[in-house]
Every structure is written in structure tokens, then in C-alpha cells.
Amino acid sequence: YNLYCNNVIWPLFHYERSMVKHSVRGWCAYVDVNRLVADAIIAEANDTDTIWIQDFQLFLVPGIIKEKR
């Protein structure tokens, strides 16, 4: 969360480009967490369920779910 959401996404969404501190480690952790959340949702949700993903911490989850389903 701190490495990517707070250091990259939040500053970009608030027009604070000078505060962006991108790292490969942060991006990889962000992707891993989004995959874990997507896998947990897939394990629990039925095919007919509506899944609501809110906020930038989980931006990748919808695409991962769509890809896996």
C-alpha cells in the first residue's frame, strides 16, 4: 500500500507529480496483492454475482477477475 498506492497513485490523482516515487518492488507488491484479492473474490463469488471494486488500491482486480473467468 505504502510503496505504490501512497507513493505513486495518490500523488498522480492529486496532481502532485513531484511526490511520485515509483519502484519496481512497489509495483510488484501492488500486482501481487491485487491478484490475491481477485483470487479470494473468485473463490467466493458466484458467476451471477455483481462484484463492486472501489478505490485505487484494487484497480487491477476487475481485469484479473475477467481474465481468469
Protein backbone atom coordinates (compact mmCIF):
# COMPACT_ATOMS: atom_id res chain seq x y z
CA TYR A 1 0.00 0.00 0.00
CA ASN A 2 2.65 2.50 1.01
CA LEU A 3 5.10 1.65 -1.74
CA TYR A 4 2.68 2.03 -4.64
CA CYS A 5 -0.67 3.50 -3.63
CA ASN A 6 0.72 6.26 -1.44
CA ASN A 7 3.90 6.86 -3.43
CA VAL A 8 2.54 6.70 -6.98
CA ILE A 9 -1.22 6.60 -7.46
CA TRP A 10 -2.28 9.07 -4.77
CA PRO A 11 0.18 11.79 -5.86
CA LEU A 12 -0.79 11.35 -9.53
CA PHE A 13 -4.51 11.63 -8.75
CA HIS A 14 -3.87 14.81 -6.77
CA TYR A 15 -1.66 16.50 -9.38
CA GLU A 16 1.45 16.13 -7.22
CA ARG A 17 3.85 14.67 -9.80
CA SER A 18 6.88 15.80 -7.82
CA MET A 19 5.84 13.47 -4.97
CA VAL A 20 5.80 10.31 -7.14
CA LYS A 21 8.34 7.71 -6.04
CA HIS A 22 7.99 4.70 -8.33
CA SER A 23 9.76 1.45 -7.59
CA VAL A 24 9.66 -1.96 -9.24
CA ARG A 25 9.31 -3.53 -5.79
CA GLY A 26 6.26 -1.38 -5.07
CA TRP A 27 4.64 -2.23 -8.41
CA CYS A 28 5.24 -5.96 -7.94
CA ALA A 29 3.72 -5.87 -4.45
CA TYR A 30 0.71 -3.94 -5.80
CA VAL A 31 0.15 -6.56 -8.52
CA ASP A 32 0.57 -9.44 -6.05
CA VAL A 33 -1.98 -8.01 -3.62
CA ASN A 34 -4.47 -7.35 -6.42
CA ARG A 35 -4.06 -10.97 -7.59
CA LEU A 36 -4.62 -12.29 -4.07
CA VAL A 37 -7.79 -10.23 -3.67
CA ALA A 38 -9.05 -11.29 -7.11
CA ASP A 39 -8.42 -14.95 -6.29
CA ALA A 40 -10.30 -14.61 -2.99
CA ILE A 41 -13.25 -12.99 -4.75
CA ILE A 42 -13.31 -15.68 -7.45
CA ALA A 43 -13.33 -18.37 -4.75
CA GLU A 44 -16.38 -16.82 -3.06
CA ALA A 45 -18.45 -15.17 -5.78
CA ASN A 46 -20.96 -16.92 -7.99
CA ASP A 47 -20.89 -16.32 -11.74
CA THR A 48 -24.09 -14.25 -11.50
CA ASP A 49 -22.91 -12.05 -8.61
CA THR A 50 -22.23 -8.38 -9.12
CA ILE A 51 -18.80 -7.52 -7.79
CA TRP A 52 -18.12 -3.93 -6.80
CA ILE A 53 -14.46 -2.89 -6.62
CA GLN A 54 -13.94 0.57 -5.18
CA ASP A 55 -10.84 2.72 -4.81
CA PHE A 56 -7.43 2.78 -6.38
CA GLN A 57 -5.87 0.17 -4.10
CA LEU A 58 -7.63 -2.52 -6.16
CA PHE A 59 -7.56 -1.07 -9.69
CA LEU A 60 -6.22 -4.31 -11.19
CA VAL A 61 -8.79 -6.64 -9.59
CA PRO A 62 -11.58 -6.32 -12.20
CA GLY A 63 -9.23 -7.11 -15.07
CA ILE A 64 -7.74 -10.07 -13.24
CA ILE A 65 -11.19 -11.47 -12.46
CA LYS A 66 -12.30 -11.00 -16.06
CA GLU A 67 -9.14 -12.68 -17.34
CA LYS A 68 -9.47 -15.67 -15.01
CA ARG A 69 -13.20 -16.16 -15.61
